[in-house]
Structures are given as C-alpha cells and as structure tokens.
PDB file of N, CA and C in Angstrom:
ATOM      1  N   MET A   1       0.733  -1.301  -0.103  1.00  0.00           N
ATOM      2  CA  MET A   1      -0.082   0.039  -0.039  1.00  0.00           C
ATOM      3  C   MET A   1       0.828   1.180   0.017  1.00  0.00           C
ATOM      4  N   ARG A   2       0.531   2.282  -0.865  1.00  0.00           N
ATOM      5  CA  ARG A   2       1.261   3.414  -0.775  1.00  0.00           C
ATOM      6  C   ARG A   2       0.959   4.310   0.363  1.00  0.00           C
ATOM      7  N   ASN A   3       1.974   5.218   0.648  1.00  0.00           N
ATOM      8  CA  ASN A   3       1.646   6.010   1.994  1.00  0.00           C
ATOM      9  C   ASN A   3       0.417   6.990   1.667  1.00  0.00           C
ATOM     10  N   ALA A   4       0.467   7.361   0.476  1.00  0.00           N
ATOM     11  CA  ALA A   4      -0.784   8.075  -0.082  1.00  0.00           C
ATOM     12  C   ALA A   4      -2.081   7.606   0.363  1.00  0.00           C
ATOM     13  N   GLU A   5      -2.119   6.117   0.303  1.00  0.00           N
ATOM     14  CA  GLU A   5      -3.331   5.613   0.270  1.00  0.00           C
ATOM     15  C   GLU A   5      -3.362   5.221   1.935  1.00  0.00           C
ATOM     16  N   LEU A   6      -2.508   4.941   2.422  1.00  0.00           N
ATOM     17  CA  LEU A   6      -2.549   4.690   4.063  1.00  0.00           C
ATOM     18  C   LEU A   6      -2.981   5.760   4.749  1.00  0.00           C
ATOM     19  N   ALA A   7      -2.492   7.044   4.596  1.00  0.00           N
ATOM     20  CA  ALA A   7      -2.821   8.075   5.480  1.00  0.00           C
ATOM     21  C   ALA A   7      -4.384   8.483   5.628  1.00  0.00           C
ATOM     22  N   PRO A   8      -4.701   8.832   4.259  1.00  0.00           N
ATOM     23  CA  PRO A   8      -6.172   9.147   4.478  1.00  0.00           C
ATOM     24  C   PRO A   8      -7.003   7.919   4.954  1.00  0.00           C
ATOM     25  N   ASN A   9      -6.628   6.969   4.721  1.00  0.00           N
ATOM     26  CA  ASN A   9      -7.545   5.682   5.199  1.00  0.00           C
ATOM     27  C   ASN A   9      -7.625   5.657   6.827  1.00  0.00           C
ATOM     28  N   LEU A  10      -6.596   6.094   7.340  1.00  0.00           N
ATOM     29  CA  LEU A  10      -6.365   6.273   9.005  1.00  0.00           C
ATOM     30  C   LEU A  10      -7.109   7.454   9.626  1.00  0.00           C
ATOM     31  N   THR A  11      -7.595   8.578   8.694  1.00  0.00           N
ATOM     32  CA  THR A  11      -7.957   9.444   9.132  1.00  0.00           C
ATOM     33  C   THR A  11      -9.787   9.300   9.034  1.00  0.00           C
ATOM     34  N   THR A  12     -10.001   8.344   8.499  1.00  0.00           N
ATOM     35  CA  THR A  12     -11.750   8.133   8.314  1.00  0.00           C
ATOM     36  C   THR A  12     -12.121   7.634   9.829  1.00  0.00           C
ATOM     37  N   ALA A  13     -13.435   7.590   9.877  1.00  0.00           N
ATOM     38  CA  ALA A  13     -14.001   7.390  10.981  1.00  0.00           C
ATOM     39  C   ALA A  13     -13.732   5.860  11.420  1.00  0.00           C
ATOM     40  N   GLU A  14     -13.742   4.894  10.397  1.00  0.00           N
ATOM     41  CA  GLU A  14     -13.701   3.653  10.675  1.00  0.00           C
ATOM     42  C   GLU A  14     -12.434   3.275   9.620  1.00  0.00           C
ATOM     43  N   PRO A  15     -11.145   2.867   9.909  1.00  0.00           N
ATOM     44  CA  PRO A  15     -10.214   2.632   8.650  1.00  0.00           C
ATOM     45  C   PRO A  15     -10.686   1.133   8.162  1.00  0.00           C
ATOM     46  N   THR A  16     -10.257   0.950   6.996  1.00  0.00           N
ATOM     47  CA  THR A  16     -10.449  -0.491   6.281  1.00  0.00           C
ATOM     48  C   THR A  16     -10.352  -1.600   7.106  1.00  0.00           C
ATOM     49  N   SER A  17      -9.258  -1.507   7.611  1.00  0.00           N
ATOM     50  CA  SER A  17      -8.673  -2.847   8.456  1.00  0.00           C
ATOM     51  C   SER A  17      -7.773  -2.575   9.613  1.00  0.00           C
ATOM     52  N   THR A  18      -7.880  -3.156  10.910  1.00  0.00           N
ATOM     53  CA  THR A  18      -7.203  -3.206  11.859  1.00  0.00           C
ATOM     54  C   THR A  18      -5.624  -3.229  11.472  1.00  0.00           C
ATOM     55  N   LYS A  19      -5.572  -4.216  10.469  1.00  0.00           N
ATOM     56  CA  LYS A  19      -4.067  -4.362   9.929  1.00  0.00           C
ATOM     57  C   LYS A  19      -3.425  -3.326   9.391  1.00  0.00           C
ATOM     58  N   GLU A  20      -4.125  -2.338   8.786  1.00  0.00           N
ATOM     59  CA  GLU A  20      -3.570  -0.967   8.453  1.00  0.00           C
ATOM     60  C   GLU A  20      -3.091  -0.164   9.507  1.00  0.00           C
ATOM     61  N   VAL A  21      -3.887  -0.145  10.734  1.00  0.00           N
ATOM     62  CA  VAL A  21      -3.695   0.918  11.664  1.00  0.00           C
ATOM     63  C   VAL A  21      -2.544   0.140  12.489  1.00  0.00           C
ATOM     64  N   VAL A  22      -2.285  -1.032  12.684  1.00  0.00           N
ATOM     65  CA  VAL A  22      -1.416  -1.729  13.133  1.00  0.00           C
ATOM     66  C   VAL A  22      -0.179  -1.605  12.496  1.00  0.00           C
ATOM     67  N   GLY A  23      -0.269  -1.628  11.245  1.00  0.00           N
ATOM     68  CA  GLY A  23       1.014  -1.493  10.208  1.00  0.00           C
ATOM     69  C   GLY A  23       1.484   0.025  10.153  1.00  0.00           C
ATOM     70  N   TYR A  24       0.691   0.958  10.381  1.00  0.00           N
ATOM     71  CA  TYR A  24       1.010   2.371  10.319  1.00  0.00           C
ATOM     72  C   TYR A  24       1.726   2.544  11.655  1.00  0.00           C
ATOM     73  N   GLU A  25       0.959   1.977  12.765  1.00  0.00           N
ATOM     74  CA  GLU A  25       1.769   2.480  14.054  1.00  0.00           C
ATOM     75  C   GLU A  25       3.137   1.718  14.284  1.00  0.00           C
ATOM     76  N   ARG A  26       3.327   0.523  13.658  1.00  0.00           N
ATOM     77  CA  ARG A  26       4.540  -0.203  13.641  1.00  0.00           C
ATOM     78  C   ARG A  26       5.797   0.640  12.743  1.00  0.00           C
ATOM     79  N   LEU A  27       4.951   1.528  11.743  1.00  0.00           N
ATOM     80  CA  LEU A  27       6.036   2.184  10.971  1.00  0.00           C
ATOM     81  C   LEU A  27       6.556   3.346  11.600  1.00  0.00           C
ATOM     82  N   ARG A  28       5.523   3.688  12.298  1.00  0.00           N
ATOM     83  CA  ARG A  28       6.043   5.315  12.996  1.00  0.00           C
ATOM     84  C   ARG A  28       6.217   5.076  14.556  1.00  0.00           C
ATOM     85  N   ARG A  29       6.308   4.154  15.036  1.00  0.00           N
ATOM     86  CA  ARG A  29       6.692   4.151  16.637  1.00  0.00           C
ATOM     87  C   ARG A  29       7.953   4.618  16.878  1.00  0.00           C
ATOM     88  N   ALA A  30       8.963   4.052  16.205  1.00  0.00           N
ATOM     89  CA  ALA A  30      10.513   4.187  16.212  1.00  0.00           C
ATOM     90  C   ALA A  30      10.617   5.890  16.518  1.00  0.00           C
ATOM     91  N   ARG A  31      10.194   6.483  15.467  1.00  0.00           N
ATOM     92  CA  ARG A  31      10.251   7.778  15.278  1.00  0.00           C
ATOM     93  C   ARG A  31       9.481   8.772  16.304  1.00  0.00           C
ATOM     94  N   VAL A  32       8.563   8.298  16.540  1.00  0.00           N
ATOM     95  CA  VAL A  32       7.581   9.277  17.552  1.00  0.00           C
ATOM     96  C   VAL A  32       8.328   9.007  19.000  1.00  0.00           C
ATOM     97  N   GLU A  33       8.682   7.620  19.179  1.00  0.00           N
ATOM     98  CA  GLU A  33       9.416   7.663  20.508  1.00  0.00           C
ATOM     99  C   GLU A  33      10.812   8.439  20.634  1.00  0.00           C
ATOM    100  N   ARG A  34      11.475   8.535  19.494  1.00  0.00           N
ATOM    101  CA  ARG A  34      12.579   9.127  19.399  1.00  0.00           C
ATOM    102  C   ARG A  34      12.200  10.787  19.757  1.00  0.00           C
ATOM    103  N   VAL A  35      11.226  11.126  19.117  1.00  0.00           N
ATOM    104  CA  VAL A  35      10.653  12.683  19.283  1.00  0.00           C
ATOM    105  C   VAL A  35      10.209  13.120  20.697  1.00  0.00           C
ATOM    106  N   VAL A  36       9.711  11.931  20.951  1.00  0.00           N
ATOM    107  CA  VAL A  36       9.155  12.181  22.748  1.00  0.00           C
ATOM    108  C   VAL A  36      10.290  12.209  23.520  1.00  0.00           C
ATOM    109  N   GLU A  37      11.248  11.373  23.310  1.00  0.00           N
ATOM    110  CA  GLU A  37      12.590  11.336  24.058  1.00  0.00           C
ATOM    111  C   GLU A  37      13.094  12.499  24.022  1.00  0.00           C
ATOM    112  N   GLN A  38      13.201  13.174  22.765  1.00  0.00           N
ATOM    113  CA  GLN A  38      14.100  14.264  22.693  1.00  0.00           C
ATOM    114  C   GLN A  38      13.226  15.540  23.332  1.00  0.00           C
ATOM    115  N   GLY A  39      11.995  15.441  23.455  1.00  0.00           N
ATOM    116  CA  GLY A  39      11.147  16.511  24.008  1.00  0.00           C
ATOM    117  C   GLY A  39      11.486  16.620  25.542  1.00  0.00           C
ATOM    118  N   ASN A  40      11.548  15.193  26.084  1.00  0.00           N
ATOM    119  CA  ASN A  40      11.508  14.922  27.504  1.00  0.00           C
ATOM    120  C   ASN A  40      12.847  15.636  27.959  1.00  0.00           C
ATOM    121  N   ARG A  41      14.108  15.375  27.012  1.00  0.00           N
ATOM    122  CA  ARG A  41      15.328  15.616  27.338  1.00  0.00           C
ATOM    123  C   ARG A  41      15.565  17.128  27.504  1.00  0.00           C
ATOM    124  N   THR A  42      14.787  17.870  26.567  1.00  0.00           N
ATOM    125  CA  THR A  42      14.881  19.410  26.375  1.00  0.00           C
ATOM    126  C   THR A  42      13.835  20.145  27.018  1.00  0.00           C
ATOM    127  N   GLY A  43      12.945  19.537  27.583  1.00  0.00           N
ATOM    128  CA  GLY A  43      11.960  20.180  28.097  1.00  0.00           C
ATOM    129  C   GLY A  43      12.210  20.732  29.443  1.00  0.00           C
ATOM    130  N   GLY A  44      12.845  20.050  30.258  1.00  0.00           N
ATOM    131  CA  GLY A  44      13.281  20.594  31.716  1.00  0.00           C
ATOM    132  C   GLY A  44      13.989  21.832  31.769  1.00  0.00           C
ATOM    133  N   TRP A  45      14.533  22.339  30.598  1.00  0.00           N
ATOM    134  CA  TRP A  45      15.377  23.517  30.620  1.00  0.00           C
ATOM    135  C   TRP A  45      14.561  24.871  30.495  1.00  0.00           C
ATOM    136  N   LYS A  46      13.088  24.412  29.912  1.00  0.00           N
ATOM    137  CA  LYS A  46      12.376  25.437  29.966  1.00  0.00           C
ATOM    138  C   LYS A  46      11.892  26.257  31.179  1.00  0.00           C
ATOM    139  N   ALA A  47      11.960  25.412  32.261  1.00  0.00           N
ATOM    140  CA  ALA A  47      11.508  25.935  33.567  1.00  0.00           C
ATOM    141  C   ALA A  47      12.368  26.261  34.459  1.00  0.00           C
ATOM    142  N   LEU A  48      13.708  26.982  34.083  1.00  0.00           N
ATOM    143  CA  LEU A  48      14.696  27.320  34.992  1.00  0.00           C
ATOM    144  C   LEU A  48      14.274  28.530  35.356  1.00  0.00           C
ATOM    145  N   PRO A  49      14.732  28.988  36.734  1.00  0.00           N
ATOM    146  CA  PRO A  49      14.857  30.370  37.172  1.00  0.00           C
ATOM    147  C   PRO A  49      15.642  31.359  36.233  1.00  0.00           C
ATOM    148  N   VAL A  50      15.461  32.703  36.526  1.00  0.00           N
ATOM    149  CA  VAL A  50      15.803  33.592  35.765  1.00  0.00           C
ATOM    150  C   VAL A  50      17.632  33.696  35.736  1.00  0.00           C
ATOM    151  N   LEU A  51      17.961  33.203  36.973  1.00  0.00           N
ATOM    152  CA  LEU A  51      19.470  33.340  36.926  1.00  0.00           C
ATOM    153  C   LEU A  51      20.197  32.386  36.083  1.00  0.00           C
ATOM    154  N   ALA A  52      19.401  31.154  35.776  1.00  0.00           N
ATOM    155  CA  ALA A  52      19.892  30.001  35.352  1.00  0.00           C
ATOM    156  C   ALA A  52      19.689  29.994  33.538  1.00  0.00           C
ATOM    157  N   ARG A  53      18.575  30.908  33.464  1.00  0.00           N
ATOM    158  CA  ARG A  53      18.075  30.859  31.982  1.00  0.00           C
ATOM    159  C   ARG A  53      19.127  31.850  31.155  1.00  0.00           C
ATOM    160  N   VAL A  54      19.391  32.834  31.864  1.00  0.00           N
ATOM    161  CA  VAL A  54      20.354  33.734  31.064  1.00  0.00           C
ATOM    162  C   VAL A  54      21.636  33.111  30.393  1.00  0.00           C
ATOM    163  N   PRO A  55      22.434  32.589  31.392  1.00  0.00           N
ATOM    164  CA  PRO A  55      23.673  31.823  30.965  1.00  0.00           C
ATOM    165  C   PRO A  55      23.262  30.701  29.909  1.00  0.00           C
ATOM    166  N   ARG A  56      22.119  29.972  29.917  1.00  0.00           N
ATOM    167  CA  ARG A  56      21.668  29.036  29.210  1.00  0.00           C
ATOM    168  C   ARG A  56      21.482  29.375  27.917  1.00  0.00           C
ATOM    169  N   ASP A  57      20.887  30.596  27.866  1.00  0.00           N
ATOM    170  CA  ASP A  57      20.396  31.412  26.607  1.00  0.00           C
ATOM    171  C   ASP A  57      21.535  31.795  25.787  1.00  0.00           C
ATOM    172  N   VAL A  58      22.568  32.094  26.613  1.00  0.00           N
ATOM    173  CA  VAL A  58      23.642  32.753  25.770  1.00  0.00           C
ATOM    174  C   VAL A  58      24.597  31.592  25.347  1.00  0.00           C
ATOM    175  N   ILE A  59      24.877  30.645  26.068  1.00  0.00           N
ATOM    176  CA  ILE A  59      25.679  29.558  25.452  1.00  0.00           C
ATOM    177  C   ILE A  59      24.899  28.581  24.392  1.00  0.00           C
ATOM    178  N   MET A  60      23.503  28.484  24.473  1.00  0.00           N
ATOM    179  CA  MET A  60      22.893  27.721  23.623  1.00  0.00           C
ATOM    180  C   MET A  60      22.787  28.565  22.358  1.00  0.00           C
ATOM    181  N   SER A  61      22.686  29.923  22.292  1.00  0.00           N
ATOM    182  CA  SER A  61      22.645  30.586  21.230  1.00  0.00           C
ATOM    183  C   SER A  61      23.910  30.463  20.589  1.00  0.00           C
ATOM    184  N   ILE A  62      25.174  30.600  20.998  1.00  0.00           N
ATOM    185  CA  ILE A  62      26.469  30.380  20.451  1.00  0.00           C
ATOM    186  C   ILE A  62      26.574  29.131  19.934  1.00  0.00           C
ATOM    187  N   ALA A  63      26.364  28.042  20.819  1.00  0.00           N
ATOM    188  CA  ALA A  63      26.651  26.736  20.404  1.00  0.00           C
ATOM    189  C   ALA A  63      25.883  26.325  19.141  1.00  0.00           C
ATOM    190  N   LEU A  64      24.288  26.499  19.187  1.00  0.00           N
ATOM    191  CA  LEU A  64      23.474  26.417  17.773  1.00  0.00           C
ATOM    192  C   LEU A  64      23.986  27.205  16.869  1.00  0.00           C
ATOM    193  N   ARG A  65      24.220  28.357  16.844  1.00  0.00           N
ATOM    194  CA  ARG A  65      24.624  29.217  15.783  1.00  0.00           C
ATOM    195  C   ARG A  65      25.967  28.371  15.034  1.00  0.00           C
ATOM    196  N   HIS A  66      27.046  27.915  15.788  1.00  0.00           N
ATOM    197  CA  HIS A  66      27.988  27.263  15.583  1.00  0.00           C
ATOM    198  C   HIS A  66      27.447  25.841  14.910  1.00  0.00           C
ATOM    199  N   ALA A  67      26.657  24.999  15.561  1.00  0.00           N
ATOM    200  CA  ALA A  67      26.378  23.973  14.997  1.00  0.00           C
ATOM    201  C   ALA A  67      25.843  23.992  13.535  1.00  0.00           C
ATOM    202  N   SER A  68      24.974  25.319  13.213  1.00  0.00           N
ATOM    203  CA  SER A  68      24.313  25.523  12.375  1.00  0.00           C
ATOM    204  C   SER A  68      25.040  25.714  11.202  1.00  0.00           C
ATOM    205  N   ARG A  69      26.109  26.442  11.554  1.00  0.00           N
ATOM    206  CA  ARG A  69      27.021  27.073  10.124  1.00  0.00           C
ATOM    207  C   ARG A  69      27.913  25.663   9.875  1.00  0.00           C
ATOM    208  N   ALA A  70      28.325  24.670  10.755  1.00  0.00           N
ATOM    209  CA  ALA A  70      28.987  23.756  10.498  1.00  0.00           C
ATOM    210  C   ALA A  70      28.138  22.330   9.866  1.00  0.00           C
ATOM    211  N   GLY A  71      26.769  22.680  10.019  1.00  0.00           N
ATOM    212  CA  GLY A  71      25.731  21.732   9.317  1.00  0.00           C
ATOM    213  C   GLY A  71      25.900  20.631  10.166  1.00  0.00           C
ATOM    214  N   GLN A  72      25.732  20.719  11.625  1.00  0.00           N
ATOM    215  CA  GLN A  72      25.744  19.742  12.432  1.00  0.00           C
ATOM    216  C   GLN A  72      24.680  19.896  13.492  1.00  0.00           C
ATOM    217  N   ASP A  73      23.504  20.386  13.067  1.00  0.00           N
ATOM    218  CA  ASP A  73      22.668  20.688  13.883  1.00  0.00           C
ATOM    219  C   ASP A  73      21.929  19.322  14.487  1.00  0.00           C
ATOM    220  N   PRO A  74      22.055  19.394  15.669  1.00  0.00           N
ATOM    221  CA  PRO A  74      21.578  17.897  16.364  1.00  0.00           C
ATOM    222  C   PRO A  74      20.037  17.927  16.174  1.00  0.00           C
ATOM    223  N   SER A  75      19.067  18.765  15.880  1.00  0.00           N
ATOM    224  CA  SER A  75      17.856  18.539  16.026  1.00  0.00           C
ATOM    225  C   SER A  75      17.294  18.326  14.408  1.00  0.00           C
ATOM    226  N   ARG A  76      18.370  18.332  13.558  1.00  0.00           N
ATOM    227  CA  ARG A  76      17.911  18.490  12.075  1.00  0.00           C
ATOM    228  C   ARG A  76      17.182  17.295  11.587  1.00  0.00           C
ATOM    229  N   TRP A  77      17.404  16.012  12.298  1.00  0.00           N
ATOM    230  CA  TRP A  77      16.700  14.873  12.013  1.00  0.00           C
ATOM    231  C   TRP A  77      15.060  15.100  12.278  1.00  0.00           C
ATOM    232  N   ILE A  78      14.438  15.905  13.094  1.00  0.00           N
ATOM    233  CA  ILE A  78      13.334  16.160  13.515  1.00  0.00           C
ATOM    234  C   ILE A  78      12.653  16.850  12.144  1.00  0.00           C
ATOM    235  N   TYR A  79      13.163  18.020  11.888  1.00  0.00           N
ATOM    236  CA  TYR A  79      12.529  19.009  11.093  1.00  0.00           C
ATOM    237  C   TYR A  79      12.866  18.758   9.511  1.00  0.00           C
ATOM    238  N   GLU A  80      13.732  17.812   9.325  1.00  0.00           N
ATOM    239  CA  GLU A  80      14.142  17.187   7.830  1.00  0.00           C
ATOM    240  C   GLU A  80      13.463  16.163   7.443  1.00  0.00           C
ATOM    241  N   HIS A  81      12.750  15.473   8.335  1.00  0.00           N
ATOM    242  CA  HIS A  81      11.950  14.312   8.064  1.00  0.00           C
ATOM    243  C   HIS A  81      11.018  14.380   6.815  1.00  0.00           C
ATOM    244  N   HIS A  82      11.267  13.374   5.874  1.00  0.00           N
ATOM    245  CA  HIS A  82      10.661  13.307   4.512  1.00  0.00           C
ATOM    246  C   HIS A  82       9.772  11.994   4.428  1.00  0.00           C
ATOM    247  N   ILE A  83       8.517  12.152   3.907  1.00  0.00           N
ATOM    248  CA  ILE A  83       7.586  10.905   3.840  1.00  0.00           C
ATOM    249  C   ILE A  83       7.591  11.028   2.172  1.00  0.00           C
ATOM    250  N   ASP A  84       7.589  10.035   1.513  1.00  0.00           N
ATOM    251  CA  ASP A  84       7.699   9.663   0.236  1.00  0.00           C
ATOM    252  C   ASP A  84       6.366   8.882  -0.100  1.00  0.00           C
ATOM    253  N   TRP A  85       5.318   9.916  -0.541  1.00  0.00           N
ATOM    254  CA  TRP A  85       3.967   9.378  -0.395  1.00  0.00           C
ATOM    255  C   TRP A  85       3.708   8.344  -1.355  1.00  0.00           C
ATOM    256  N   ASP A  86       4.462   8.447  -2.409  1.00  0.00           N
ATOM    257  CA  ASP A  86       4.456   7.253  -3.473  1.00  0.00           C
ATOM    258  C   ASP A  86       5.028   6.094  -3.246  1.00  0.00           C
ATOM    259  N   GLU A  87       5.789   5.906  -2.109  1.00  0.00           N
ATOM    260  CA  GLU A  87       6.501   4.704  -1.735  1.00  0.00           C
ATOM    261  C   GLU A  87       5.650   3.722  -1.441  1.00  0.00           C
ATOM    262  N   CYS A  88       5.733   2.454  -1.576  1.00  0.00           N
ATOM    263  CA  CYS A  88       5.087   1.364  -1.281  1.00  0.00           C
ATOM    264  C   CYS A  88       5.452   0.730   0.222  1.00  0.00           C
ATOM    265  N   VAL A  89       4.487   0.687   1.068  1.00  0.00           N
ATOM    266  CA  VAL A  89       4.678   0.201   2.305  1.00  0.00           C
ATOM    267  C   VAL A  89       4.186  -1.011   2.631  1.00  0.00           C
ATOM    268  N   ALA A  90       4.798  -1.871   3.401  1.00  0.00           N
ATOM    269  CA  ALA A  90       4.013  -3.178   3.842  1.00  0.00           C
ATOM    270  C   ALA A  90       3.198  -2.759   5.312  1.00  0.00           C
ATOM    271  N   VAL A  91       2.257  -3.134   5.241  1.00  0.00           N
ATOM    272  CA  VAL A  91       1.380  -3.059   6.496  1.00  0.00           C
ATOM    273  C   VAL A  91       0.945  -4.390   7.139  1.00  0.00           C
TER     274      VAL A  91
END
C-alpha cells in the first residue's frame, strides 16, 4: 500500500482494517518515541529560574549558531523528516 493511500484511510471514522492501523503504528513508533524522548530531554530546560536561564540562553545561542554553520544541527533529523507519499509500504 502506498503512503498516500494509507494516511487518508487512517483519518476516516473507521479504517478499512485493523491491519492497516497496526502497520501504520509499527512504521511510525520508533520515530515518535525518539521525538518524545528528545522533548523530554530538552523540556526541563524551559522551567529554569531567571538566573539560570540567562547563561543557558547565551551558551545555547552560541552553540546552535556554530552547529548550524557547520551543518551539524543536532535537531536536524526532526525537521528534515520526509515522507515519500508514492513509496509502497508493507502494513
């Protein structure tokens, strides 16, 4: 089944088969778990007190700017993800 056929089927009230839903979950689970893990790892930094946020923001700004210039953005895998809608997938 093509990705383009699978996705719309999963958004209907009743998918054609449980097999398709289970297959979709199997295909997506590893990436979704990795995204959640990344969010948990970086989320705690958002609740720091003011005195800790200032040095964090300065250091992260410099580090991310440098990583971006070097083409080594550690979050690149998240926002450069691509789904080939015409690819056939086994569900």
